[in-house]
Amino acid sequence: MIDDPFVEEVHSAREQIWGDCVGNWSQVFERWETIAISHPDRTVDPAEIRENRDRSSALQHGFNKS
C-alpha cells in the first residue's frame, strides 16, 4: 500500500474524533456537524455533487440540461 500523508491525516483525525466521542455515534455526528459549520470551505454539498453528476450525465447522452 502506498503511504499518503493526506490519507494518514484523515485516518488520524477520524480516530481522534472517535476516541473523543467514546464511540457514541450521536456525539460523532454532532462533532462532524460542528467541524463542517466551522470550515464551510472544506465541506461539499451533496446536492451540488448530484447536480453536477446529473448535468454531466445528461451532456454525455446528448441532452442539454441547463
Protein backbone atom coordinates (compact mmCIF):
# COMPACT_ATOMS: atom_id res chain seq x y z
CA MET A 1 0.00 0.00 0.00
CA ILE A 2 1.24 3.48 -0.86
CA ASP A 3 1.85 5.84 2.06
CA ASP A 4 -0.12 9.03 1.56
CA PRO A 5 0.26 11.80 4.16
CA PHE A 6 -3.22 13.16 3.39
CA VAL A 7 -4.86 9.76 3.90
CA GLU A 8 -2.87 9.26 7.10
CA GLU A 9 -4.07 12.65 8.38
CA VAL A 10 -7.70 11.79 7.61
CA HIS A 11 -7.38 8.44 9.39
CA SER A 12 -5.72 10.09 12.37
CA ALA A 13 -8.44 12.76 12.61
CA ARG A 14 -11.16 10.10 12.36
CA GLU A 15 -9.57 8.04 15.12
CA GLN A 16 -9.20 11.16 17.29
CA ILE A 17 -12.86 12.10 16.86
CA TRP A 18 -14.00 8.53 17.56
CA GLY A 19 -11.85 8.41 20.69
CA ASP A 20 -13.03 11.82 21.91
CA CYS A 21 -16.65 10.73 21.45
CA VAL A 22 -16.08 7.41 23.24
CA GLY A 23 -17.69 5.51 20.37
CA ASN A 24 -21.01 7.39 20.70
CA TRP A 25 -22.35 7.91 17.17
CA SER A 26 -24.57 10.84 18.19
CA GLN A 27 -21.53 12.68 19.53
CA VAL A 28 -19.54 11.81 16.41
CA PHE A 29 -22.22 13.30 14.13
CA GLU A 30 -22.54 16.40 16.33
CA ARG A 31 -18.77 16.83 16.20
CA TRP A 32 -18.72 16.45 12.39
CA GLU A 33 -21.52 18.99 12.07
CA THR A 34 -19.63 21.44 14.27
CA ILE A 35 -16.49 20.99 12.18
CA ALA A 36 -18.44 21.42 8.92
CA ILE A 37 -20.00 24.66 10.17
CA SER A 38 -16.61 25.93 11.34
CA HIS A 39 -14.98 25.18 7.97
CA PRO A 40 -17.55 25.71 5.18
CA ASP A 41 -14.73 25.98 2.63
CA ARG A 42 -13.76 22.38 3.42
CA THR A 43 -17.17 20.79 3.01
CA VAL A 44 -19.06 19.62 -0.06
CA ASP A 45 -22.80 19.93 -0.54
CA PRO A 46 -24.23 16.53 -1.60
CA ALA A 47 -26.95 18.30 -3.63
CA GLU A 48 -24.27 20.12 -5.61
CA ILE A 49 -22.49 16.82 -6.32
CA ARG A 50 -25.75 15.25 -7.55
CA GLU A 51 -26.50 18.28 -9.73
CA ASN A 52 -23.03 18.20 -11.30
CA ARG A 53 -23.24 14.43 -11.81
CA ASP A 54 -26.69 14.69 -13.41
CA ARG A 55 -25.60 17.56 -15.66
CA SER A 56 -22.51 15.64 -16.74
CA SER A 57 -24.55 12.51 -17.45
CA ALA A 58 -27.11 14.48 -19.46
CA LEU A 59 -24.39 16.11 -21.54
CA GLN A 60 -22.74 12.72 -22.19
CA HIS A 61 -26.02 11.41 -23.51
CA GLY A 62 -26.70 14.40 -25.74
CA PHE A 63 -29.26 16.16 -23.55
CA ASN A 64 -28.86 19.79 -22.64
CA LYS A 65 -29.94 20.01 -19.00
CA SER A 66 -29.14 23.68 -18.36
